[in-house]
Amino acid sequence: MKTRLIVPLAAMLMIAPPSAQAAMPACPAPEPSLVKASLGLSTTTVEPAARALFDAGLVAYWAGDSVAALHAFRAAQAADPVCALCHWGEALALGPRVHVAMPHSQVRPAWEAIVHAQSLARNASELERDLIDATRHRYGVNPMVSRRQLDVAWATAIRQLAERHPRSDAFHLLVREADAILGAVADG
């Protein structure tokens, strides 16, 4: 029962404006295993520490704490340097959020993280490779491509993945985030 509550809570935290988030009652972070079970997203690694740190990164990300997520994903990489999804997590955490634009200083590190994830993806599951490929659309170092174009490309790729993997709550949550980012950009 607890696992069913995490996805809507994470979605509310991502889409709620900062003023509403501040008014939300503090609650302890869910257990990483609950988030993983709820979202159906697992990483291919033989290192238990990397898996636990990756899960902690997801918990932090879905709770809206990109800085803590980034630290956890980087620690997961240290535990397993060939964990493709751990590098994907770094790229995800460096990207834009609904009410936080992507600082220019994070563009190149995000791009490098997703390219590195792609280079490691040969040993990843099909779902992981699909997620990494889709997220590559979110970043680019070409200054002629606007942030909006990248966000639209990422939203389109994630939407297609959600259709191909209808049982993955993670993809559906990422679609909601992408749509919210596009809506925030259009409104702002």
N, C-alpha and C. Protein backbone atom coordinates (compact mmCIF):
# COMPACT_ATOMS: atom_id res chain seq x y z
N MET A 1 0.82 -1.19 0.00
CA MET A 1 0.00 0.00 0.00
C MET A 1 0.87 1.26 0.00
N LYS A 2 1.96 1.23 0.77
CA LYS A 2 2.83 2.40 0.84
C LYS A 2 3.42 2.76 -0.52
N THR A 3 3.75 1.74 -1.32
CA THR A 3 4.39 2.01 -2.60
C THR A 3 3.48 2.77 -3.55
N ARG A 4 2.19 2.61 -3.44
CA ARG A 4 1.25 3.30 -4.32
C ARG A 4 1.18 4.80 -3.99
N LEU A 5 1.53 5.19 -2.79
CA LEU A 5 1.47 6.59 -2.38
C LEU A 5 2.68 7.39 -2.82
N ILE A 6 3.77 6.72 -3.11
CA ILE A 6 5.02 7.42 -3.41
C ILE A 6 4.96 8.14 -4.75
N VAL A 7 4.45 7.50 -5.77
CA VAL A 7 4.42 8.13 -7.10
C VAL A 7 3.60 9.42 -7.08
N PRO A 8 2.34 9.41 -6.55
CA PRO A 8 1.61 10.68 -6.52
C PRO A 8 2.31 11.74 -5.67
N LEU A 9 2.91 11.33 -4.54
CA LEU A 9 3.62 12.29 -3.70
C LEU A 9 4.79 12.89 -4.45
N ALA A 10 5.56 12.05 -5.12
CA ALA A 10 6.70 12.56 -5.88
C ALA A 10 6.23 13.49 -6.98
N ALA A 11 5.16 13.13 -7.64
CA ALA A 11 4.63 13.99 -8.71
C ALA A 11 4.19 15.33 -8.15
N MET A 12 3.53 15.34 -6.99
CA MET A 12 3.09 16.60 -6.38
C MET A 12 4.29 17.46 -6.00
N LEU A 13 5.32 16.84 -5.48
CA LEU A 13 6.50 17.60 -5.09
C LEU A 13 7.16 18.23 -6.29
N MET A 14 7.14 17.54 -7.44
CA MET A 14 7.79 18.07 -8.62
C MET A 14 7.00 19.20 -9.24
N ILE A 15 5.67 19.13 -9.19
CA ILE A 15 4.90 20.12 -9.91
C ILE A 15 4.45 21.27 -9.02
N ALA A 16 4.46 21.07 -7.74
CA ALA A 16 4.01 22.13 -6.84
C ALA A 16 5.00 23.29 -6.87
N PRO A 17 4.50 24.53 -6.88
CA PRO A 17 5.41 25.67 -6.84
C PRO A 17 6.17 25.68 -5.52
N PRO A 18 7.35 26.32 -5.50
CA PRO A 18 8.16 26.33 -4.28
C PRO A 18 7.40 26.82 -3.05
N SER A 19 6.50 27.80 -3.21
CA SER A 19 5.75 28.29 -2.05
C SER A 19 4.85 27.20 -1.48
N ALA A 20 4.27 26.39 -2.35
CA ALA A 20 3.42 25.30 -1.89
C ALA A 20 4.26 24.19 -1.27
N GLN A 21 5.46 23.96 -1.83
CA GLN A 21 6.33 22.94 -1.27
C GLN A 21 6.74 23.32 0.15
N ALA A 22 7.00 24.59 0.38
CA ALA A 22 7.41 25.05 1.70
C ALA A 22 6.29 24.83 2.71
N ALA A 23 5.03 24.92 2.26
CA ALA A 23 3.90 24.76 3.15
C ALA A 23 3.56 23.29 3.41
N MET A 24 4.13 22.38 2.62
CA MET A 24 3.85 20.95 2.80
C MET A 24 4.48 20.48 4.10
N PRO A 25 3.79 19.59 4.81
CA PRO A 25 4.38 19.07 6.05
C PRO A 25 5.61 18.23 5.74
N ALA A 26 6.59 18.33 6.62
CA ALA A 26 7.81 17.55 6.44
C ALA A 26 7.48 16.09 6.68
N CYS A 27 8.02 15.24 5.86
CA CYS A 27 7.83 13.81 6.06
C CYS A 27 9.15 13.12 5.75
N PRO A 28 9.40 12.00 6.39
CA PRO A 28 10.66 11.32 6.13
C PRO A 28 10.70 10.80 4.71
N ALA A 29 11.91 10.73 4.16
CA ALA A 29 12.07 10.21 2.80
C ALA A 29 11.68 8.74 2.80
N PRO A 30 11.01 8.29 1.75
CA PRO A 30 10.64 6.88 1.68
C PRO A 30 11.86 6.01 1.54
N GLU A 31 11.73 4.77 1.95
CA GLU A 31 12.81 3.81 1.79
C GLU A 31 13.13 3.66 0.31
N PRO A 32 14.41 3.65 -0.08
CA PRO A 32 14.75 3.48 -1.50
C PRO A 32 14.09 2.26 -2.11
N SER A 33 13.99 1.14 -1.36
CA SER A 33 13.39 -0.07 -1.93
C SER A 33 11.93 0.17 -2.29
N LEU A 34 11.23 1.01 -1.54
CA LEU A 34 9.84 1.31 -1.86
C LEU A 34 9.74 2.11 -3.15
N VAL A 35 10.62 3.09 -3.30
CA VAL A 35 10.60 3.90 -4.52
C VAL A 35 10.95 3.03 -5.71
N LYS A 36 11.97 2.21 -5.58
CA LYS A 36 12.39 1.35 -6.68
C LYS A 36 11.26 0.40 -7.06
N ALA A 37 10.64 -0.21 -6.05
CA ALA A 37 9.55 -1.14 -6.33
C ALA A 37 8.38 -0.41 -6.99
N SER A 38 8.13 0.80 -6.55
CA SER A 38 7.01 1.56 -7.10
C SER A 38 7.26 1.98 -8.53
N LEU A 39 8.47 2.38 -8.83
CA LEU A 39 8.76 2.90 -10.16
C LEU A 39 9.24 1.85 -11.14
N GLY A 40 9.62 0.70 -10.65
CA GLY A 40 10.07 -0.35 -11.54
C GLY A 40 11.36 -0.03 -12.26
N LEU A 41 12.20 0.80 -11.67
CA LEU A 41 13.47 1.18 -12.30
C LEU A 41 14.61 0.61 -11.49
N SER A 42 15.39 -0.22 -12.11
CA SER A 42 16.52 -0.86 -11.45
C SER A 42 17.74 -0.65 -12.33
N THR A 43 18.90 -0.74 -11.72
CA THR A 43 20.13 -0.55 -12.48
C THR A 43 20.92 -1.85 -12.55
N THR A 44 21.57 -2.06 -13.67
CA THR A 44 22.39 -3.25 -13.86
C THR A 44 23.74 -2.99 -13.21
N THR A 45 23.95 -3.61 -12.07
CA THR A 45 25.22 -3.52 -11.37
C THR A 45 25.36 -4.75 -10.47
N VAL A 46 26.59 -5.18 -10.25
CA VAL A 46 26.83 -6.29 -9.33
C VAL A 46 27.22 -5.77 -7.96
N GLU A 47 27.37 -4.46 -7.84
CA GLU A 47 27.80 -3.84 -6.60
C GLU A 47 26.59 -3.42 -5.76
N PRO A 48 26.35 -4.05 -4.63
CA PRO A 48 25.22 -3.66 -3.78
C PRO A 48 25.28 -2.19 -3.35
N ALA A 49 26.48 -1.68 -3.11
CA ALA A 49 26.61 -0.27 -2.70
C ALA A 49 26.16 0.66 -3.82
N ALA A 50 26.52 0.34 -5.05
CA ALA A 50 26.10 1.16 -6.19
C ALA A 50 24.59 1.14 -6.33
N ARG A 51 23.99 -0.02 -6.18
CA ARG A 51 22.54 -0.14 -6.29
C ARG A 51 21.85 0.69 -5.20
N ALA A 52 22.33 0.59 -3.98
CA ALA A 52 21.73 1.35 -2.88
C ALA A 52 21.90 2.85 -3.09
N LEU A 53 23.06 3.27 -3.55
CA LEU A 53 23.29 4.69 -3.80
C LEU A 53 22.46 5.20 -4.98
N PHE A 54 22.31 4.37 -6.02
CA PHE A 54 21.46 4.74 -7.14
C PHE A 54 20.02 4.93 -6.66
N ASP A 55 19.54 3.98 -5.86
CA ASP A 55 18.18 4.09 -5.32
C ASP A 55 18.03 5.36 -4.48
N ALA A 56 19.05 5.68 -3.67
CA ALA A 56 19.01 6.90 -2.86
C ALA A 56 18.98 8.14 -3.76
N GLY A 57 19.70 8.09 -4.88
CA GLY A 57 19.65 9.20 -5.83
C GLY A 57 18.26 9.39 -6.41
N LEU A 58 17.59 8.27 -6.73
CA LEU A 58 16.21 8.37 -7.23
C LEU A 58 15.28 8.95 -6.17
N VAL A 59 15.43 8.49 -4.94
CA VAL A 59 14.60 9.01 -3.86
C VAL A 59 14.77 10.53 -3.76
N ALA A 60 16.02 10.97 -3.74
CA ALA A 60 16.29 12.41 -3.63
C ALA A 60 15.75 13.17 -4.84
N TYR A 61 15.94 12.62 -6.03
CA TYR A 61 15.46 13.29 -7.24
C TYR A 61 13.95 13.45 -7.23
N TRP A 62 13.23 12.36 -6.97
CA TRP A 62 11.77 12.43 -6.97
C TRP A 62 11.25 13.30 -5.84
N ALA A 63 12.04 13.46 -4.78
CA ALA A 63 11.64 14.35 -3.69
C ALA A 63 11.99 15.81 -3.99
N GLY A 64 12.62 16.06 -5.14
CA GLY A 64 12.91 17.43 -5.56
C GLY A 64 14.28 17.94 -5.14
N ASP A 65 15.13 17.09 -4.60
CA ASP A 65 16.45 17.52 -4.14
C ASP A 65 17.52 17.07 -5.14
N SER A 66 17.70 17.87 -6.18
CA SER A 66 18.65 17.52 -7.25
C SER A 66 20.09 17.47 -6.75
N VAL A 67 20.43 18.30 -5.77
CA VAL A 67 21.81 18.32 -5.25
C VAL A 67 22.12 17.00 -4.54
N ALA A 68 21.22 16.56 -3.66
CA ALA A 68 21.43 15.29 -2.97
C ALA A 68 21.41 14.13 -3.97
N ALA A 69 20.55 14.22 -4.97
CA ALA A 69 20.51 13.18 -6.01
C ALA A 69 21.84 13.11 -6.74
N LEU A 70 22.37 14.27 -7.11
CA LEU A 70 23.64 14.32 -7.81
C LEU A 70 24.75 13.66 -6.99
N HIS A 71 24.81 13.98 -5.70
CA HIS A 71 25.83 13.39 -4.82
C HIS A 71 25.67 11.87 -4.76
N ALA A 72 24.43 11.40 -4.64
CA ALA A 72 24.19 9.96 -4.55
C ALA A 72 24.56 9.25 -5.85
N PHE A 73 24.18 9.84 -7.00
CA PHE A 73 24.52 9.21 -8.28
C PHE A 73 26.03 9.17 -8.49
N ARG A 74 26.73 10.23 -8.09
CA ARG A 74 28.19 10.24 -8.24
C ARG A 74 28.84 9.23 -7.29
N ALA A 75 28.30 9.08 -6.10
CA ALA A 75 28.81 8.06 -5.17
C ALA A 75 28.56 6.66 -5.73
N ALA A 76 27.41 6.47 -6.40
CA ALA A 76 27.12 5.19 -7.04
C ALA A 76 28.14 4.90 -8.14
N GLN A 77 28.52 5.93 -8.89
CA GLN A 77 29.54 5.77 -9.93
C GLN A 77 30.87 5.36 -9.32
N ALA A 78 31.20 5.92 -8.17
CA ALA A 78 32.45 5.57 -7.50
C ALA A 78 32.43 4.10 -7.06
N ALA A 79 31.25 3.63 -6.64
CA ALA A 79 31.11 2.24 -6.23
C ALA A 79 31.15 1.29 -7.42
N ASP A 80 30.64 1.74 -8.56
CA ASP A 80 30.65 0.93 -9.79
C ASP A 80 30.83 1.86 -10.99
N PRO A 81 32.07 2.11 -11.39
CA PRO A 81 32.34 3.05 -12.49
C PRO A 81 31.72 2.68 -13.83
N VAL A 82 31.32 1.41 -14.02
CA VAL A 82 30.73 1.02 -15.29
C VAL A 82 29.20 0.91 -15.23
N CYS A 83 28.60 1.45 -14.20
CA CYS A 83 27.14 1.46 -14.05
C CYS A 83 26.58 2.56 -14.94
N ALA A 84 26.01 2.18 -16.08
CA ALA A 84 25.50 3.16 -17.04
C ALA A 84 24.40 4.03 -16.45
N LEU A 85 23.46 3.42 -15.74
CA LEU A 85 22.34 4.20 -15.22
C LEU A 85 22.78 5.14 -14.09
N CYS A 86 23.89 4.85 -13.43
CA CYS A 86 24.42 5.78 -12.42
C CYS A 86 24.87 7.08 -13.08
N HIS A 87 25.45 6.98 -14.28
CA HIS A 87 25.85 8.17 -15.03
C HIS A 87 24.62 8.87 -15.62
N TRP A 88 23.62 8.09 -16.04
CA TRP A 88 22.35 8.67 -16.48
C TRP A 88 21.75 9.51 -15.36
N GLY A 89 21.80 8.98 -14.13
CA GLY A 89 21.25 9.71 -12.99
C GLY A 89 21.93 11.05 -12.78
N GLU A 90 23.24 11.08 -12.97
CA GLU A 90 23.96 12.35 -12.86
C GLU A 90 23.42 13.35 -13.89
N ALA A 91 23.26 12.90 -15.13
CA ALA A 91 22.74 13.78 -16.18
C ALA A 91 21.33 14.26 -15.83
N LEU A 92 20.50 13.36 -15.34
CA LEU A 92 19.14 13.72 -14.95
C LEU A 92 19.15 14.79 -13.87
N ALA A 93 19.96 14.58 -12.84
CA ALA A 93 20.01 15.50 -11.70
C ALA A 93 20.56 16.88 -12.10
N LEU A 94 21.41 16.93 -13.10
CA LEU A 94 21.97 18.21 -13.55
C LEU A 94 21.00 19.00 -14.43
N GLY A 95 19.96 18.35 -14.91
CA GLY A 95 19.04 18.98 -15.86
C GLY A 95 18.04 19.93 -15.22
N PRO A 96 17.22 20.53 -16.06
CA PRO A 96 16.21 21.47 -15.56
C PRO A 96 15.14 20.75 -14.77
N ARG A 97 14.53 21.47 -13.85
CA ARG A 97 13.37 20.96 -13.11
C ARG A 97 12.22 21.91 -13.40
N VAL A 98 11.06 21.62 -12.89
CA VAL A 98 9.88 22.41 -13.22
C VAL A 98 10.07 23.88 -12.89
N HIS A 99 10.57 24.20 -11.72
CA HIS A 99 10.70 25.59 -11.31
C HIS A 99 12.15 26.04 -11.17
N VAL A 100 13.05 25.26 -11.76
CA VAL A 100 14.47 25.60 -11.69
C VAL A 100 15.07 25.41 -13.09
N ALA A 101 15.45 26.51 -13.69
CA ALA A 101 16.07 26.44 -15.02
C ALA A 101 17.44 25.78 -14.91
N MET A 102 17.89 25.23 -16.00
CA MET A 102 19.20 24.59 -16.02
C MET A 102 20.27 25.66 -16.18
N PRO A 103 21.14 25.80 -15.17
CA PRO A 103 22.22 26.78 -15.31
C PRO A 103 23.15 26.41 -16.46
N HIS A 104 23.63 27.40 -17.15
CA HIS A 104 24.52 27.16 -18.28
C HIS A 104 25.75 26.35 -17.88
N SER A 105 26.21 26.55 -16.66
CA SER A 105 27.40 25.85 -16.18
C SER A 105 27.18 24.34 -16.07
N GLN A 106 25.94 23.88 -16.10
CA GLN A 106 25.65 22.45 -15.97
C GLN A 106 25.42 21.78 -17.33
N VAL A 107 25.41 22.55 -18.40
CA VAL A 107 25.13 21.98 -19.72
C VAL A 107 26.20 20.97 -20.12
N ARG A 108 27.46 21.38 -20.11
CA ARG A 108 28.53 20.47 -20.54
C ARG A 108 28.65 19.25 -19.60
N PRO A 109 28.63 19.41 -18.27
CA PRO A 109 28.70 18.22 -17.41
C PRO A 109 27.53 17.25 -17.63
N ALA A 110 26.34 17.78 -17.87
CA ALA A 110 25.19 16.92 -18.13
C ALA A 110 25.38 16.16 -19.44
N TRP A 111 25.84 16.88 -20.46
CA TRP A 111 26.10 16.25 -21.76
C TRP A 111 27.15 15.16 -21.62
N GLU A 112 28.23 15.45 -20.92
CA GLU A 112 29.31 14.47 -20.75
C GLU A 112 28.82 13.25 -19.97
N ALA A 113 27.97 13.47 -18.97
CA ALA A 113 27.45 12.35 -18.18
C ALA A 113 26.57 11.44 -19.04
N ILE A 114 25.72 12.01 -19.87
CA ILE A 114 24.83 11.17 -20.68
C ILE A 114 25.59 10.48 -21.80
N VAL A 115 26.59 11.14 -22.36
CA VAL A 115 27.43 10.49 -23.38
C VAL A 115 28.21 9.34 -22.75
N HIS A 116 28.72 9.56 -21.53
CA HIS A 116 29.44 8.49 -20.83
C HIS A 116 28.49 7.32 -20.52
N ALA A 117 27.28 7.64 -20.09
CA ALA A 117 26.29 6.60 -19.82
C ALA A 117 26.03 5.78 -21.09
N GLN A 118 25.93 6.47 -22.20
CA GLN A 118 25.68 5.78 -23.46
C GLN A 118 26.85 4.86 -23.83
N SER A 119 28.07 5.30 -23.54
CA SER A 119 29.24 4.48 -23.85
C SER A 119 29.30 3.21 -22.99
N LEU A 120 28.65 3.25 -21.83
CA LEU A 120 28.64 2.09 -20.93
C LEU A 120 27.40 1.22 -21.10
N ALA A 121 26.47 1.63 -21.92
CA ALA A 121 25.15 1.00 -21.99
C ALA A 121 25.14 -0.39 -22.63
N ARG A 122 26.23 -0.81 -23.24
CA ARG A 122 26.23 -2.12 -23.90
C ARG A 122 25.91 -3.25 -22.91
N ASN A 123 26.25 -3.08 -21.63
CA ASN A 123 25.97 -4.11 -20.63
C ASN A 123 24.68 -3.85 -19.86
N ALA A 124 23.96 -2.81 -20.22
CA ALA A 124 22.73 -2.44 -19.52
C ALA A 124 21.54 -3.18 -20.12
N SER A 125 20.44 -3.17 -19.38
CA SER A 125 19.21 -3.78 -19.88
C SER A 125 18.63 -2.93 -21.02
N GLU A 126 17.70 -3.51 -21.75
CA GLU A 126 17.06 -2.76 -22.84
C GLU A 126 16.37 -1.51 -22.31
N LEU A 127 15.68 -1.65 -21.19
CA LEU A 127 14.97 -0.51 -20.60
C LEU A 127 15.97 0.60 -20.24
N GLU A 128 17.10 0.23 -19.66
CA GLU A 128 18.13 1.21 -19.31
C GLU A 128 18.68 1.91 -20.56
N ARG A 129 18.97 1.12 -21.60
CA ARG A 129 19.50 1.71 -22.84
C ARG A 129 18.48 2.67 -23.45
N ASP A 130 17.21 2.29 -23.43
CA ASP A 130 16.15 3.16 -23.95
C ASP A 130 16.10 4.48 -23.17
N LEU A 131 16.19 4.38 -21.86
CA LEU A 131 16.13 5.57 -21.01
C LEU A 131 17.33 6.48 -21.26
N ILE A 132 18.49 5.90 -21.38
CA ILE A 132 19.71 6.68 -21.66
C ILE A 132 19.61 7.36 -23.02
N ASP A 133 19.17 6.60 -24.03
CA ASP A 133 19.02 7.19 -25.37
C ASP A 133 18.01 8.33 -25.37
N ALA A 134 16.91 8.14 -24.68
CA ALA A 134 15.89 9.20 -24.63
C ALA A 134 16.42 10.44 -23.92
N THR A 135 17.16 10.24 -22.86
CA THR A 135 17.67 11.37 -22.08
C THR A 135 18.76 12.12 -22.84
N ARG A 136 19.41 11.47 -23.77
CA ARG A 136 20.42 12.16 -24.57
C ARG A 136 19.79 13.32 -25.34
N HIS A 137 18.51 13.20 -25.66
CA HIS A 137 17.80 14.29 -26.36
C HIS A 137 17.64 15.53 -25.48
N ARG A 138 17.80 15.37 -24.18
CA ARG A 138 17.58 16.47 -23.24
C ARG A 138 18.75 17.45 -23.20
N TYR A 139 19.90 17.01 -23.67
CA TYR A 139 21.10 17.83 -23.55
C TYR A 139 21.79 18.01 -24.89
N GLY A 140 22.50 19.08 -25.01
CA GLY A 140 23.30 19.33 -26.19
C GLY A 140 24.24 20.49 -25.93
N VAL A 141 25.34 20.49 -26.61
CA VAL A 141 26.32 21.56 -26.41
C VAL A 141 26.31 22.55 -27.57
N ASN A 142 25.42 22.34 -28.53
CA ASN A 142 25.31 23.26 -29.66
C ASN A 142 24.55 24.51 -29.21
N PRO A 143 25.20 25.67 -29.20
CA PRO A 143 24.52 26.88 -28.72
C PRO A 143 23.38 27.35 -29.63
N MET A 144 23.28 26.76 -30.82
CA MET A 144 22.21 27.14 -31.74
C MET A 144 20.89 26.43 -31.40
N VAL A 145 20.95 25.42 -30.54
CA VAL A 145 19.75 24.69 -30.14
C VAL A 145 19.27 25.26 -28.81
N SER A 146 18.02 25.67 -28.77
CA SER A 146 17.49 26.30 -27.55
C SER A 146 17.13 25.26 -26.50
N ARG A 147 17.08 25.70 -25.27
CA ARG A 147 16.66 24.83 -24.16
C ARG A 147 15.26 24.28 -24.44
N ARG A 148 14.40 25.10 -24.97
CA ARG A 148 13.02 24.69 -25.29
C ARG A 148 13.04 23.54 -26.31
N GLN A 149 13.86 23.64 -27.35
CA GLN A 149 13.94 22.57 -28.36
C GLN A 149 14.40 21.26 -27.72
N LEU A 150 15.38 21.36 -26.83
CA LEU A 150 15.88 20.16 -26.15
C LEU A 150 14.81 19.57 -25.24
N ASP A 151 14.08 20.43 -24.51
CA ASP A 151 13.02 19.94 -23.63
C ASP A 151 11.91 19.25 -24.42
N VAL A 152 11.55 19.82 -25.57
CA VAL A 152 10.52 19.22 -26.42
C VAL A 152 11.01 17.86 -26.95
N ALA A 153 12.26 17.80 -27.39
CA ALA A 153 12.82 16.54 -27.90
C ALA A 153 12.83 15.47 -26.81
N TRP A 154 13.22 15.87 -25.60
CA TRP A 154 13.25 14.92 -24.48
C TRP A 154 11.84 14.46 -24.13
N ALA A 155 10.90 15.39 -24.06
CA ALA A 155 9.52 15.03 -23.73
C ALA A 155 8.96 14.06 -24.76
N THR A 156 9.25 14.30 -26.02
CA THR A 156 8.78 13.41 -27.09
C THR A 156 9.38 12.01 -26.94
N ALA A 157 10.68 11.94 -26.70
CA ALA A 157 11.36 10.65 -26.54
C ALA A 157 10.84 9.89 -25.32
N ILE A 158 10.64 10.60 -24.22
CA ILE A 158 10.14 9.96 -22.99
C ILE A 158 8.71 9.47 -23.20
N ARG A 159 7.90 10.27 -23.88
CA ARG A 159 6.51 9.87 -24.17
C ARG A 159 6.49 8.56 -24.98
N GLN A 160 7.36 8.48 -25.98
CA GLN A 160 7.43 7.27 -26.80
C GLN A 160 7.85 6.06 -25.96
N LEU A 161 8.78 6.28 -25.03
CA LEU A 161 9.20 5.19 -24.15
C LEU A 161 8.07 4.75 -23.23
N ALA A 162 7.31 5.69 -22.72
CA ALA A 162 6.19 5.36 -21.85
C ALA A 162 5.17 4.51 -22.60
N GLU A 163 5.00 4.78 -23.89
CA GLU A 163 4.09 3.97 -24.71
C GLU A 163 4.66 2.57 -24.94
N ARG A 164 5.97 2.47 -25.12
CA ARG A 164 6.61 1.16 -25.33
C ARG A 164 6.72 0.35 -24.05
N HIS A 165 6.79 1.04 -22.92
CA HIS A 165 6.92 0.38 -21.61
C HIS A 165 5.77 0.84 -20.71
N PRO A 166 4.54 0.44 -21.02
CA PRO A 166 3.38 0.96 -20.28
C PRO A 166 3.36 0.59 -18.80
N ARG A 167 4.13 -0.40 -18.40
CA ARG A 167 4.13 -0.82 -16.99
C ARG A 167 5.18 -0.08 -16.16
N SER A 168 5.97 0.78 -16.79
CA SER A 168 7.02 1.49 -16.07
C SER A 168 6.49 2.81 -15.50
N ASP A 169 6.30 2.82 -14.19
CA ASP A 169 5.87 4.06 -13.54
C ASP A 169 6.91 5.16 -13.70
N ALA A 170 8.19 4.76 -13.78
CA ALA A 170 9.26 5.76 -13.91
C ALA A 170 9.07 6.57 -15.19
N PHE A 171 8.78 5.90 -16.29
CA PHE A 171 8.59 6.62 -17.55
C PHE A 171 7.38 7.54 -17.48
N HIS A 172 6.31 7.07 -16.87
CA HIS A 172 5.11 7.92 -16.77
C HIS A 172 5.36 9.13 -15.88
N LEU A 173 6.15 8.95 -14.84
CA LEU A 173 6.49 10.08 -13.97
C LEU A 173 7.40 11.06 -14.71
N LEU A 174 8.32 10.54 -15.51
CA LEU A 174 9.18 11.42 -16.31
C LEU A 174 8.38 12.17 -17.36
N VAL A 175 7.35 11.54 -17.93
CA VAL A 175 6.47 12.23 -18.88
C VAL A 175 5.78 13.40 -18.18
N ARG A 176 5.29 13.16 -16.97
CA ARG A 176 4.63 14.24 -16.22
C ARG A 176 5.61 15.38 -15.94
N GLU A 177 6.84 15.02 -15.58
CA GLU A 177 7.84 16.05 -15.32
C GLU A 177 8.15 16.83 -16.60
N ALA A 178 8.33 16.12 -17.71
CA ALA A 178 8.64 16.79 -18.98
C ALA A 178 7.50 17.72 -19.38
N ASP A 179 6.27 17.25 -19.25
CA ASP A 179 5.12 18.10 -19.58
C ASP A 179 5.05 19.33 -18.67
N ALA A 180 5.36 19.13 -17.39
CA ALA A 180 5.35 20.25 -16.45
C ALA A 180 6.45 21.26 -16.77
N ILE A 181 7.62 20.77 -17.16
CA ILE A 181 8.71 21.66 -17.54
C ILE A 181 8.31 22.46 -18.77
N LEU A 182 7.72 21.79 -19.75
CA LEU A 182 7.28 22.50 -20.96
C LEU A 182 6.21 23.53 -20.62
N GLY A 183 5.29 23.18 -19.72
CA GLY A 183 4.25 24.12 -19.30
C GLY A 183 4.83 25.29 -18.55
N ALA A 184 5.81 25.03 -17.68
CA ALA A 184 6.44 26.11 -16.90
C ALA A 184 7.20 27.06 -17.83
N VAL A 185 7.87 26.50 -18.84
CA VAL A 185 8.62 27.32 -19.77
C VAL A 185 7.66 28.16 -20.60
N ALA A 186 6.54 27.55 -21.03
CA ALA A 186 5.56 28.28 -21.85
C ALA A 186 4.91 29.39 -21.03
N ASP A 187 4.65 29.13 -19.74
CA ASP A 187 4.03 30.12 -18.88
C ASP A 187 4.98 31.23 -18.48
N GLY A 188 6.27 30.85 -18.35
CA GLY A 188 7.27 31.80 -17.84
C GLY A 188 7.84 32.57 -18.91
